[in-house]
C-alpha atoms as a PDB file:
ATOM      1  CA  UNK A   1      90.908  98.087  91.632  1.00  0.00           C
ATOM      2  CA  UNK A   2      93.996 100.145  92.353  1.00  0.00           C
ATOM      3  CA  UNK A   3      97.789  99.274  92.234  1.00  0.00           C
ATOM      4  CA  UNK A   4      97.921  96.644  94.962  1.00  0.00           C
ATOM      5  CA  UNK A   5      94.952  94.631  93.637  1.00  0.00           C
ATOM      6  CA  UNK A   6      96.286  94.803  90.058  1.00  0.00           C
ATOM      7  CA  UNK A   7      99.604  93.500  91.223  1.00  0.00           C
ATOM      8  CA  UNK A   8      97.969  90.827  93.319  1.00  0.00           C
ATOM      9  CA  UNK A   9      95.850  89.617  90.414  1.00  0.00           C
ATOM     10  CA  UNK A  10      98.851  89.348  88.142  1.00  0.00           C
ATOM     11  CA  UNK A  11      99.785  85.961  89.615  1.00  0.00           C
ATOM     12  CA  UNK A  12     103.283  84.545  89.447  1.00  0.00           C
ATOM     13  CA  UNK A  13     104.557  86.016  86.181  1.00  0.00           C
ATOM     14  CA  UNK A  14     106.792  89.019  86.689  1.00  0.00           C
ATOM     15  CA  UNK A  15     106.318  90.206  83.209  1.00  0.00           C
ATOM     16  CA  UNK A  16     102.436  90.146  83.552  1.00  0.00           C
ATOM     17  CA  UNK A  17     102.954  92.043  86.744  1.00  0.00           C
ATOM     18  CA  UNK A  18     104.894  94.725  84.878  1.00  0.00           C
ATOM     19  CA  UNK A  19     102.262  94.982  82.118  1.00  0.00           C
ATOM     20  CA  UNK A  20      99.434  95.105  84.691  1.00  0.00           C
ATOM     21  CA  UNK A  21     101.246  97.888  86.544  1.00  0.00           C
ATOM     22  CA  UNK A  22     101.875 100.207  83.605  1.00  0.00           C
ATOM     23  CA  UNK A  23      98.705  99.602  81.638  1.00  0.00           C
ATOM     24  CA  UNK A  24      97.074 102.931  82.394  1.00  0.00           C
ATOM     25  CA  UNK A  25      99.925 104.621  80.631  1.00  0.00           C
ATOM     26  CA  UNK A  26      99.872 102.488  77.540  1.00  0.00           C
ATOM     27  CA  UNK A  27      97.046 103.647  75.347  1.00  0.00           C
ATOM     28  CA  UNK A  28      95.258 101.924  72.494  1.00  0.00           C
ATOM     29  CA  UNK A  29      97.245  99.417  70.446  1.00  0.00           C
ATOM     30  CA  UNK A  30     100.634 100.619  71.856  1.00  0.00           C
ATOM     31  CA  UNK A  31     100.642  97.624  74.008  1.00  0.00           C
ATOM     32  CA  UNK A  32     101.693  95.756  70.890  1.00  0.00           C
ATOM     33  CA  UNK A  33     105.135  97.402  71.231  1.00  0.00           C
ATOM     34  CA  UNK A  34     105.895  95.190  74.278  1.00  0.00           C
ATOM     35  CA  UNK A  35     106.867  91.620  74.549  1.00  0.00           C
ATOM     36  CA  UNK A  36     104.125  89.036  74.769  1.00  0.00           C
ATOM     37  CA  UNK A  37     103.774  88.590  78.650  1.00  0.00           C
ATOM     38  CA  UNK A  38     103.913  92.290  79.150  1.00  0.00           C
ATOM     39  CA  UNK A  39     101.158  92.657  76.523  1.00  0.00           C
ATOM     40  CA  UNK A  40      99.252  89.957  78.469  1.00  0.00           C
ATOM     41  CA  UNK A  41      99.554  91.988  81.574  1.00  0.00           C
ATOM     42  CA  UNK A  42      98.288  95.150  79.868  1.00  0.00           C
ATOM     43  CA  UNK A  43      95.307  93.275  78.517  1.00  0.00           C
ATOM     44  CA  UNK A  44      94.689  91.729  81.927  1.00  0.00           C
ATOM     45  CA  UNK A  45      94.679  95.090  83.436  1.00  0.00           C
ATOM     46  CA  UNK A  46      92.052  96.365  81.001  1.00  0.00           C
ATOM     47  CA  UNK A  47      89.946  93.203  81.674  1.00  0.00           C
ATOM     48  CA  UNK A  48      90.165  93.717  85.416  1.00  0.00           C
ATOM     49  CA  UNK A  49      89.087  97.340  85.012  1.00  0.00           C
ATOM     50  CA  UNK A  50      86.167  96.406  82.677  1.00  0.00           C
ATOM     51  CA  UNK A  51      84.970  93.754  85.084  1.00  0.00           C
ATOM     52  CA  UNK A  52      85.286  96.031  87.995  1.00  0.00           C
ATOM     53  CA  UNK A  53      83.651  98.992  86.532  1.00  0.00           C
ATOM     54  CA  UNK A  54      80.547  97.069  85.638  1.00  0.00           C
ATOM     55  CA  UNK A  55      80.170  94.807  88.685  1.00  0.00           C
ATOM     56  CA  UNK A  56      77.138  95.496  90.951  1.00  0.00           C
ATOM     57  CA  UNK A  57      79.022  95.041  94.214  1.00  0.00           C
ATOM     58  CA  UNK A  58      81.534  97.692  93.188  1.00  0.00           C
ATOM     59  CA  UNK A  59      78.715  99.979  92.181  1.00  0.00           C
ATOM     60  CA  UNK A  60      77.076  99.369  95.513  1.00  0.00           C
ATOM     61  CA  UNK A  61      80.383 100.352  97.342  1.00  0.00           C
ATOM     62  CA  UNK A  62      80.630 103.477  95.100  1.00  0.00           C
ATOM     63  CA  UNK A  63      77.091 104.583  96.110  1.00  0.00           C
ATOM     64  CA  UNK A  64      78.417 105.569  99.568  1.00  0.00           C
ATOM     65  CA  UNK A  65      80.811 108.099  98.051  1.00  0.00           C
ATOM     66  CA  UNK A  66      78.681 109.310  95.018  1.00  0.00           C
ATOM     67  CA  UNK A  67      76.976 112.232  96.621  1.00  0.00           C
ATOM     68  CA  UNK A  68      80.449 113.764  97.469  1.00  0.00           C
ATOM     69  CA  UNK A  69      82.577 112.527  94.588  1.00  0.00           C
ATOM     70  CA  UNK A  70      80.107 112.018  91.740  1.00  0.00           C
ATOM     71  CA  UNK A  71      82.035 110.729  88.732  1.00  0.00           C
ATOM     72  CA  UNK A  72      85.030 110.098  90.820  1.00  0.00           C
ATOM     73  CA  UNK A  73      83.248 107.703  93.234  1.00  0.00           C
ATOM     74  CA  UNK A  74      84.665 104.762  91.363  1.00  0.00           C
ATOM     75  CA  UNK A  75      88.204 105.999  91.866  1.00  0.00           C
ATOM     76  CA  UNK A  76      87.668 106.270  95.600  1.00  0.00           C
ATOM     77  CA  UNK A  77      86.125 102.798  95.638  1.00  0.00           C
ATOM     78  CA  UNK A  78      89.190 101.356  93.853  1.00  0.00           C
ATOM     79  CA  UNK A  79      91.638 102.846  96.555  1.00  0.00           C
ATOM     80  CA  UNK A  80      89.270 101.735  99.395  1.00  0.00           C
ATOM     81  CA  UNK A  81      89.249  98.178  97.989  1.00  0.00           C
ATOM     82  CA  UNK A  82      93.031  98.263  98.035  1.00  0.00           C
ATOM     83  CA  UNK A  83      92.839  99.204 101.718  1.00  0.00           C
ATOM     84  CA  UNK A  84      90.759  96.219 102.388  1.00  0.00           C
ATOM     85  CA  UNK A  85      93.027  93.940 100.514  1.00  0.00           C
ATOM     86  CA  UNK A  86      96.015  95.107 102.384  1.00  0.00           C
ATOM     87  CA  UNK A  87      94.231  94.981 105.718  1.00  0.00           C
ATOM     88  CA  UNK A  88      93.087  91.349 104.961  1.00  0.00           C
ATOM     89  CA  UNK A  89      96.150  90.304 102.990  1.00  0.00           C
ATOM     90  CA  UNK A  90      96.635  87.003 104.967  1.00  0.00           C
ATOM     91  CA  UNK A  91      93.275  85.890 103.604  1.00  0.00           C
ATOM     92  CA  UNK A  92      94.424  86.186 100.022  1.00  0.00           C
ATOM     93  CA  UNK A  93      98.129  85.505  99.770  1.00  0.00           C
ATOM     94  CA  UNK A  94     100.572  83.109 101.493  1.00  0.00           C
ATOM     95  CA  UNK A  95     103.467  85.701 101.357  1.00  0.00           C
ATOM     96  CA  UNK A  96     103.401  88.522 104.011  1.00  0.00           C
ATOM     97  CA  UNK A  97     102.475  91.831 102.566  1.00  0.00           C
ATOM     98  CA  UNK A  98     105.789  93.497 103.223  1.00  0.00           C
ATOM     99  CA  UNK A  99     107.596  90.782 101.363  1.00  0.00           C
ATOM    100  CA  UNK A 100     105.170  90.889  98.415  1.00  0.00           C
ATOM    101  CA  UNK A 101     105.525  94.656  98.165  1.00  0.00           C
ATOM    102  CA  UNK A 102     109.397  94.329  98.152  1.00  0.00           C
ATOM    103  CA  UNK A 103     109.121  91.766  95.438  1.00  0.00           C
ATOM    104  CA  UNK A 104     106.841  94.048  93.321  1.00  0.00           C
ATOM    105  CA  UNK A 105     109.436  96.872  93.820  1.00  0.00           C
ATOM    106  CA  UNK A 106     112.268  94.568  92.690  1.00  0.00           C
ATOM    107  CA  UNK A 107     110.429  93.459  89.616  1.00  0.00           C
ATOM    108  CA  UNK A 108     109.616  96.963  88.550  1.00  0.00           C
ATOM    109  CA  UNK A 109     113.183  98.195  89.161  1.00  0.00           C
ATOM    110  CA  UNK A 110     114.604  95.287  87.008  1.00  0.00           C
ATOM    111  CA  UNK A 111     112.171  96.262  84.227  1.00  0.00           C
ATOM    112  CA  UNK A 112     112.770  99.960  84.609  1.00  0.00           C
ATOM    113  CA  UNK A 113     113.885 100.597  81.059  1.00  0.00           C
ATOM    114  CA  UNK A 114     110.521  99.299  79.521  1.00  0.00           C
ATOM    115  CA  UNK A 115     108.408 101.481  81.873  1.00  0.00           C
ATOM    116  CA  UNK A 116     106.610 104.462  80.356  1.00  0.00           C
ATOM    117  CA  UNK A 117     108.087 107.773  81.409  1.00  0.00           C
ATOM    118  CA  UNK A 118     105.174 108.732  83.650  1.00  0.00           C
ATOM    119  CA  UNK A 119     105.683 105.546  85.557  1.00  0.00           C
ATOM    120  CA  UNK A 120     109.534 106.186  85.801  1.00  0.00           C
ATOM    121  CA  UNK A 121     108.705 109.600  87.316  1.00  0.00           C
ATOM    122  CA  UNK A 122     106.455 108.345  90.260  1.00  0.00           C
ATOM    123  CA  UNK A 123     107.917 104.982  90.866  1.00  0.00           C
ATOM    124  CA  UNK A 124     110.798 106.078  93.176  1.00  0.00           C
ATOM    125  CA  UNK A 125     108.329 107.919  95.503  1.00  0.00           C
ATOM    126  CA  UNK A 126     105.985 104.850  95.520  1.00  0.00           C
ATOM    127  CA  UNK A 127     108.915 102.595  96.491  1.00  0.00           C
ATOM    128  CA  UNK A 128     110.387 105.011  99.138  1.00  0.00           C
ATOM    129  CA  UNK A 129     107.084 105.513 100.773  1.00  0.00           C
ATOM    130  CA  UNK A 130     106.106 101.818 100.483  1.00  0.00           C
ATOM    131  CA  UNK A 131     102.596 103.144  99.742  1.00  0.00           C
ATOM    132  CA  UNK A 132     101.275  99.786  98.671  1.00  0.00           C
ATOM    133  CA  UNK A 133     101.970  98.589 102.135  1.00  0.00           C
ATOM    134  CA  UNK A 134     100.544 101.617 103.932  1.00  0.00           C
ATOM    135  CA  UNK A 135      97.046 101.053 102.301  1.00  0.00           C
ATOM    136  CA  UNK A 136      96.404  98.696 105.240  1.00  0.00           C
ATOM    137  CA  UNK A 137      95.993 101.659 107.668  1.00  0.00           C
ATOM    138  CA  UNK A 138      93.452 104.459 107.600  1.00  0.00           C
ATOM    139  CA  UNK A 139      96.124 106.996 107.771  1.00  0.00           C
ATOM    140  CA  UNK A 140      98.031 105.347 104.969  1.00  0.00           C
ATOM    141  CA  UNK A 141      94.769 105.371 102.894  1.00  0.00           C
ATOM    142  CA  UNK A 142      94.450 109.072 103.804  1.00  0.00           C
ATOM    143  CA  UNK A 143      97.853 109.828 102.643  1.00  0.00           C
ATOM    144  CA  UNK A 144      97.317 107.948  99.313  1.00  0.00           C
ATOM    145  CA  UNK A 145      94.112 109.955  98.614  1.00  0.00           C
ATOM    146  CA  UNK A 146      95.872 113.175  99.439  1.00  0.00           C
ATOM    147  CA  UNK A 147      98.656 112.345  97.001  1.00  0.00           C
ATOM    148  CA  UNK A 148      96.071 111.618  94.377  1.00  0.00           C
ATOM    149  CA  UNK A 149      94.490 115.084  95.079  1.00  0.00           C
ATOM    150  CA  UNK A 150      97.852 116.803  94.469  1.00  0.00           C
ATOM    151  CA  UNK A 151      98.752 114.998  91.254  1.00  0.00           C
ATOM    152  CA  UNK A 152      95.383 114.127  89.566  1.00  0.00           C
ATOM    153  CA  UNK A 153      91.956 115.810  89.110  1.00  0.00           C
ATOM    154  CA  UNK A 154      90.564 114.020  92.231  1.00  0.00           C
ATOM    155  CA  UNK A 155      88.574 116.494  94.312  1.00  0.00           C
ATOM    156  CA  UNK A 156      90.026 117.548  97.592  1.00  0.00           C
ATOM    157  CA  UNK A 157      87.631 115.835  99.781  1.00  0.00           C
ATOM    158  CA  UNK A 158      89.756 113.233 101.581  1.00  0.00           C
ATOM    159  CA  UNK A 159      88.517 113.859 105.080  1.00  0.00           C
ATOM    160  CA  UNK A 160      84.973 113.307 103.918  1.00  0.00           C
ATOM    161  CA  UNK A 161      85.916 110.178 102.060  1.00  0.00           C
ATOM    162  CA  UNK A 162      87.474 108.760 105.252  1.00  0.00           C
ATOM    163  CA  UNK A 163      84.411 109.707 107.321  1.00  0.00           C
ATOM    164  CA  UNK A 164      82.056 108.004 104.803  1.00  0.00           C
ATOM    165  CA  UNK A 165      84.371 104.949 104.798  1.00  0.00           C
ATOM    166  CA  UNK A 166      84.329 104.757 108.734  1.00  0.00           C
ATOM    167  CA  UNK A 167      80.555 105.200 108.854  1.00  0.00           C
ATOM    168  CA  UNK A 168      79.974 102.338 106.355  1.00  0.00           C
ATOM    169  CA  UNK A 169      83.141 100.230 107.186  1.00  0.00           C
ATOM    170  CA  UNK A 170      81.579  96.803 107.749  1.00  0.00           C
ATOM    171  CA  UNK A 171      79.207  97.078 104.747  1.00  0.00           C
ATOM    172  CA  UNK A 172      81.892  98.068 102.322  1.00  0.00           C
ATOM    173  CA  UNK A 173      84.335  95.414 103.678  1.00  0.00           C
ATOM    174  CA  UNK A 174      81.608  92.789 103.140  1.00  0.00           C
ATOM    175  CA  UNK A 175      81.067  93.994  99.668  1.00  0.00           C
ATOM    176  CA  UNK A 176      84.782  93.821  98.961  1.00  0.00           C
ATOM    177  CA  UNK A 177      85.163  90.170 100.166  1.00  0.00           C
ATOM    178  CA  UNK A 178      82.155  89.208  98.072  1.00  0.00           C
ATOM    179  CA  UNK A 179      83.584  90.851  95.075  1.00  0.00           C
ATOM    180  CA  UNK A 180      86.977  89.126  95.615  1.00  0.00           C
ATOM    181  CA  UNK A 181      85.270  85.791  95.607  1.00  0.00           C
ATOM    182  CA  UNK A 182      83.986  86.541  92.046  1.00  0.00           C
ATOM    183  CA  UNK A 183      86.838  88.392  90.472  1.00  0.00           C
ATOM    184  CA  UNK A 184      89.634  85.860  91.336  1.00  0.00           C
ATOM    185  CA  UNK A 185      88.145  82.836  89.278  1.00  0.00           C
ATOM    186  CA  UNK A 186      87.163  85.316  86.564  1.00  0.00           C
ATOM    187  CA  UNK A 187      90.695  86.574  86.139  1.00  0.00           C
ATOM    188  CA  UNK A 188      92.282  83.077  86.352  1.00  0.00           C
ATOM    189  CA  UNK A 189      90.113  82.138  83.404  1.00  0.00           C
ATOM    190  CA  UNK A 190      90.769  85.444  81.546  1.00  0.00           C
ATOM    191  CA  UNK A 191      94.590  85.014  81.757  1.00  0.00           C
ATOM    192  CA  UNK A 192      94.264  81.789  79.728  1.00  0.00           C
ATOM    193  CA  UNK A 193      91.966  83.505  77.148  1.00  0.00           C
ATOM    194  CA  UNK A 194      94.380  86.526  76.756  1.00  0.00           C
ATOM    195  CA  UNK A 195      97.487  84.190  76.380  1.00  0.00           C
ATOM    196  CA  UNK A 196      95.715  82.106  73.832  1.00  0.00           C
ATOM    197  CA  UNK A 197      94.802  85.294  71.883  1.00  0.00           C
ATOM    198  CA  UNK A 198      98.296  86.630  71.933  1.00  0.00           C
ATOM    199  CA  UNK A 199      99.915  83.319  71.018  1.00  0.00           C
ATOM    200  CA  UNK A 200      97.412  82.925  68.082  1.00  0.00           C
ATOM    201  CA  UNK A 201      98.093  86.464  66.841  1.00  0.00           C
ATOM    202  CA  UNK A 202     101.814  85.925  66.760  1.00  0.00           C
END
């Protein structure tokens, strides 16, 4: 799952949202440097990634991209799943996507001082472009992938990725919805477990 899905799965807590958003930039036990709810968000992010990376439906979606992207097929699948979440947002959240994205921006700005430096660097561009919102469109997805090509080790094969997606669109969308029906209850239970662990630890 990519940025939008992680933020969505954070639930109502702003601090959990912050932790979930920054988790990729907080390595090992450094999460312990943050307050409890942000810690919970970081651990939640790791749990989401672990569940997603080992789920057969996600693996099936990744197969479409594997011949082109090989070890990066999971990265493409994460972003494609964000596309389907944005496109079908009304099925999953009562708040319109533009309002949800604006709320996320506001939360992250209010917590700017605790963000890792790498997040501080890209956050203004993510906000200005409203990238999370643009995932809903194919061209927005294309732009997001091209940004990843420029700033990460993702291979420059965006046009191929889009072609593969369009050729298998209904199948991947079906897999996405089936996956969401499984990850949502899993995460709700996992939040309770992580909070119990953190409370007991303190």
